Amino acid sequence: MRLALSKKYETLQLRLQKCMASYIFKDPMKMIQNKYILVDQFIKKLETQIQTKKQNEKEHYITLLSKLDTLSPLKTLTRGYAIVEQNDHVIKSAKKLKKGDEINLKFVDGTKLAKIQ
């Protein structure tokens, strides 16, 4: 029995020595510092990803804005075209107009009333 207790004591003593030799017990702050470094790396990675996403979305926004500007009726007016309206409805075909009809012509700088002859 004494021999068994002695062996058990030696085994536990060796386990204790091994645990105490571990770097966690020798320098517990080192583990915390390593975790801080990992957190900083993750933060930098996230910041980079956010900046990349922001730049991509900005470029996409500019592309959509330029497409919208191209399709704008006001942009069409600046090229010398006019919008023909009758009773607040846009006239798209000459067939819809008859002699004597009054129409509004919208230009880039204003509106004029006209009569079909």
C-alpha atoms as a PDB file:
ATOM      1  CA  MET A   1       0.000   0.000   0.000  1.00  0.00           C
ATOM      2  CA  ARG A   2       2.837   2.325   0.891  1.00  0.00           C
ATOM      3  CA  LEU A   3       4.510   1.581  -2.459  1.00  0.00           C
ATOM      4  CA  ALA A   4       1.267   2.388  -4.336  1.00  0.00           C
ATOM      5  CA  LEU A   5       0.890   5.672  -2.453  1.00  0.00           C
ATOM      6  CA  SER A   6       4.504   6.506  -3.141  1.00  0.00           C
ATOM      7  CA  LYS A   7       4.037   5.843  -6.894  1.00  0.00           C
ATOM      8  CA  LYS A   8       0.848   7.923  -6.935  1.00  0.00           C
ATOM      9  CA  TYR A   9       2.662  10.750  -5.127  1.00  0.00           C
ATOM     10  CA  GLU A  10       5.538  10.674  -7.639  1.00  0.00           C
ATOM     11  CA  THR A  11       3.104  10.688 -10.567  1.00  0.00           C
ATOM     12  CA  LEU A  12       1.235  13.664  -9.170  1.00  0.00           C
ATOM     13  CA  GLN A  13       4.517  15.418  -8.415  1.00  0.00           C
ATOM     14  CA  LEU A  14       5.644  14.948 -12.034  1.00  0.00           C
ATOM     15  CA  ARG A  15       2.297  16.272 -13.307  1.00  0.00           C
ATOM     16  CA  LEU A  16       2.637  19.310 -11.086  1.00  0.00           C
ATOM     17  CA  GLN A  17       6.177  19.976 -12.302  1.00  0.00           C
ATOM     18  CA  LYS A  18       5.079  19.609 -15.916  1.00  0.00           C
ATOM     19  CA  CYS A  19       2.178  22.046 -15.381  1.00  0.00           C
ATOM     20  CA  MET A  20       4.417  24.550 -13.616  1.00  0.00           C
ATOM     21  CA  ALA A  21       6.938  24.326 -16.486  1.00  0.00           C
ATOM     22  CA  SER A  22       4.198  25.275 -18.966  1.00  0.00           C
ATOM     23  CA  TYR A  23       4.540  28.743 -20.512  1.00  0.00           C
ATOM     24  CA  ILE A  24       1.059  29.634 -19.250  1.00  0.00           C
ATOM     25  CA  PHE A  25       2.255  29.509 -15.646  1.00  0.00           C
ATOM     26  CA  LYS A  26       5.657  31.023 -16.394  1.00  0.00           C
ATOM     27  CA  ASP A  27       4.339  34.007 -18.380  1.00  0.00           C
ATOM     28  CA  PRO A  28       0.522  34.221 -18.249  1.00  0.00           C
ATOM     29  CA  MET A  29       0.496  37.680 -19.867  1.00  0.00           C
ATOM     30  CA  LYS A  30       2.108  36.266 -23.006  1.00  0.00           C
ATOM     31  CA  MET A  31      -1.054  34.342 -23.848  1.00  0.00           C
ATOM     32  CA  ILE A  32      -3.153  37.497 -23.382  1.00  0.00           C
ATOM     33  CA  GLN A  33      -0.738  39.492 -25.541  1.00  0.00           C
ATOM     34  CA  ASN A  34      -0.960  36.843 -28.275  1.00  0.00           C
ATOM     35  CA  LYS A  35      -4.749  37.144 -28.207  1.00  0.00           C
ATOM     36  CA  TYR A  36      -4.467  40.948 -28.440  1.00  0.00           C
ATOM     37  CA  ILE A  37      -2.289  40.523 -31.529  1.00  0.00           C
ATOM     38  CA  LEU A  38      -4.875  38.216 -33.090  1.00  0.00           C
ATOM     39  CA  VAL A  39      -7.665  40.685 -32.343  1.00  0.00           C
ATOM     40  CA  ASP A  40      -5.627  43.513 -33.919  1.00  0.00           C
ATOM     41  CA  GLN A  41      -5.042  41.391 -37.025  1.00  0.00           C
ATOM     42  CA  PHE A  42      -8.767  40.671 -37.321  1.00  0.00           C
ATOM     43  CA  ILE A  43      -9.589  44.362 -36.903  1.00  0.00           C
ATOM     44  CA  LYS A  44      -7.141  45.349 -39.665  1.00  0.00           C
ATOM     45  CA  LYS A  45      -8.541  42.654 -41.943  1.00  0.00           C
ATOM     46  CA  LEU A  46     -12.093  43.877 -41.314  1.00  0.00           C
ATOM     47  CA  GLU A  47     -11.114  47.491 -41.935  1.00  0.00           C
ATOM     48  CA  THR A  48      -9.503  46.507 -45.237  1.00  0.00           C
ATOM     49  CA  GLN A  49     -12.572  44.536 -46.281  1.00  0.00           C
ATOM     50  CA  ILE A  50     -14.863  47.428 -45.340  1.00  0.00           C
ATOM     51  CA  GLN A  51     -12.762  49.898 -47.355  1.00  0.00           C
ATOM     52  CA  THR A  52     -12.744  47.564 -50.364  1.00  0.00           C
ATOM     53  CA  LYS A  53     -16.507  47.069 -50.145  1.00  0.00           C
ATOM     54  CA  LYS A  54     -17.033  50.819 -49.766  1.00  0.00           C
ATOM     55  CA  GLN A  55     -14.896  51.535 -52.848  1.00  0.00           C
ATOM     56  CA  ASN A  56     -16.705  48.890 -54.919  1.00  0.00           C
ATOM     57  CA  GLU A  57     -20.109  50.250 -53.902  1.00  0.00           C
ATOM     58  CA  LYS A  58     -18.990  53.799 -54.712  1.00  0.00           C
ATOM     59  CA  GLU A  59     -17.872  52.730 -58.202  1.00  0.00           C
ATOM     60  CA  HIS A  60     -21.162  50.875 -58.720  1.00  0.00           C
ATOM     61  CA  TYR A  61     -23.090  53.967 -57.578  1.00  0.00           C
ATOM     62  CA  ILE A  62     -21.171  56.181 -60.027  1.00  0.00           C
ATOM     63  CA  THR A  63     -21.888  53.739 -62.866  1.00  0.00           C
ATOM     64  CA  LEU A  64     -25.599  53.701 -62.071  1.00  0.00           C
ATOM     65  CA  LEU A  65     -25.659  57.473 -61.737  1.00  0.00           C
ATOM     66  CA  SER A  66     -24.055  57.937 -65.160  1.00  0.00           C
ATOM     67  CA  LYS A  67     -26.587  55.531 -66.710  1.00  0.00           C
ATOM     68  CA  LEU A  68     -29.420  57.432 -65.063  1.00  0.00           C
ATOM     69  CA  ASP A  69     -27.995  60.741 -66.280  1.00  0.00           C
ATOM     70  CA  THR A  70     -27.828  59.384 -69.829  1.00  0.00           C
ATOM     71  CA  LEU A  71     -31.512  58.414 -69.723  1.00  0.00           C
ATOM     72  CA  SER A  72     -32.640  61.676 -68.135  1.00  0.00           C
ATOM     73  CA  PRO A  73     -35.272  63.638 -70.091  1.00  0.00           C
ATOM     74  CA  LEU A  74     -33.498  66.851 -69.102  1.00  0.00           C
ATOM     75  CA  LYS A  75     -30.309  65.574 -70.704  1.00  0.00           C
ATOM     76  CA  THR A  76     -32.289  64.911 -73.886  1.00  0.00           C
ATOM     77  CA  LEU A  77     -33.568  68.488 -73.818  1.00  0.00           C
ATOM     78  CA  THR A  78     -30.022  69.854 -73.599  1.00  0.00           C
ATOM     79  CA  ARG A  79     -29.241  68.062 -76.870  1.00  0.00           C
ATOM     80  CA  GLY A  80     -31.886  70.170 -78.662  1.00  0.00           C
ATOM     81  CA  TYR A  81     -34.975  68.019 -78.396  1.00  0.00           C
ATOM     82  CA  ALA A  82     -38.349  69.112 -77.017  1.00  0.00           C
ATOM     83  CA  ILE A  83     -41.119  67.310 -75.146  1.00  0.00           C
ATOM     84  CA  VAL A  84     -44.560  67.704 -76.706  1.00  0.00           C
ATOM     85  CA  GLU A  85     -47.512  67.698 -74.284  1.00  0.00           C
ATOM     86  CA  GLN A  86     -51.238  68.055 -74.730  1.00  0.00           C
ATOM     87  CA  ASN A  87     -53.509  68.240 -71.666  1.00  0.00           C
ATOM     88  CA  ASP A  88     -50.586  67.178 -69.419  1.00  0.00           C
ATOM     89  CA  HIS A  89     -50.002  64.018 -71.476  1.00  0.00           C
ATOM     90  CA  VAL A  90     -46.823  63.445 -73.489  1.00  0.00           C
ATOM     91  CA  ILE A  91     -47.500  63.086 -77.216  1.00  0.00           C
ATOM     92  CA  LYS A  92     -45.363  60.351 -78.746  1.00  0.00           C
ATOM     93  CA  SER A  93     -46.833  60.243 -82.239  1.00  0.00           C
ATOM     94  CA  ALA A  94     -47.784  62.887 -84.806  1.00  0.00           C
ATOM     95  CA  LYS A  95     -50.897  60.817 -85.570  1.00  0.00           C
ATOM     96  CA  LYS A  96     -52.381  61.818 -82.196  1.00  0.00           C
ATOM     97  CA  LEU A  97     -52.458  65.499 -83.199  1.00  0.00           C
ATOM     98  CA  LYS A  98     -55.059  67.182 -85.388  1.00  0.00           C
ATOM     99  CA  LYS A  99     -55.178  70.553 -87.068  1.00  0.00           C
ATOM    100  CA  GLY A 100     -56.047  73.233 -84.543  1.00  0.00           C
ATOM    101  CA  ASP A 101     -54.817  71.338 -81.453  1.00  0.00           C
ATOM    102  CA  GLU A 102     -52.908  73.366 -78.903  1.00  0.00           C
ATOM    103  CA  ILE A 103     -49.752  71.791 -77.520  1.00  0.00           C
ATOM    104  CA  ASN A 104     -47.056  72.700 -75.029  1.00  0.00           C
ATOM    105  CA  LEU A 105     -43.444  72.399 -76.133  1.00  0.00           C
ATOM    106  CA  LYS A 106     -40.998  71.925 -73.271  1.00  0.00           C
ATOM    107  CA  PHE A 107     -37.457  73.031 -73.999  1.00  0.00           C
ATOM    108  CA  VAL A 108     -34.413  73.041 -71.759  1.00  0.00           C
ATOM    109  CA  ASP A 109     -34.949  76.705 -70.901  1.00  0.00           C
ATOM    110  CA  GLY A 110     -38.747  76.908 -70.715  1.00  0.00           C
ATOM    111  CA  THR A 111     -42.135  76.069 -72.225  1.00  0.00           C
ATOM    112  CA  LYS A 112     -43.946  77.499 -75.242  1.00  0.00           C
ATOM    113  CA  LEU A 113     -47.543  77.116 -76.377  1.00  0.00           C
ATOM    114  CA  ALA A 114     -48.021  76.111 -80.017  1.00  0.00           C
ATOM    115  CA  LYS A 115     -50.972  75.453 -82.339  1.00  0.00           C
ATOM    116  CA  ILE A 116     -51.009  72.696 -84.954  1.00  0.00           C
ATOM    117  CA  GLN A 117     -51.755  74.003 -88.478  1.00  0.00           C
END
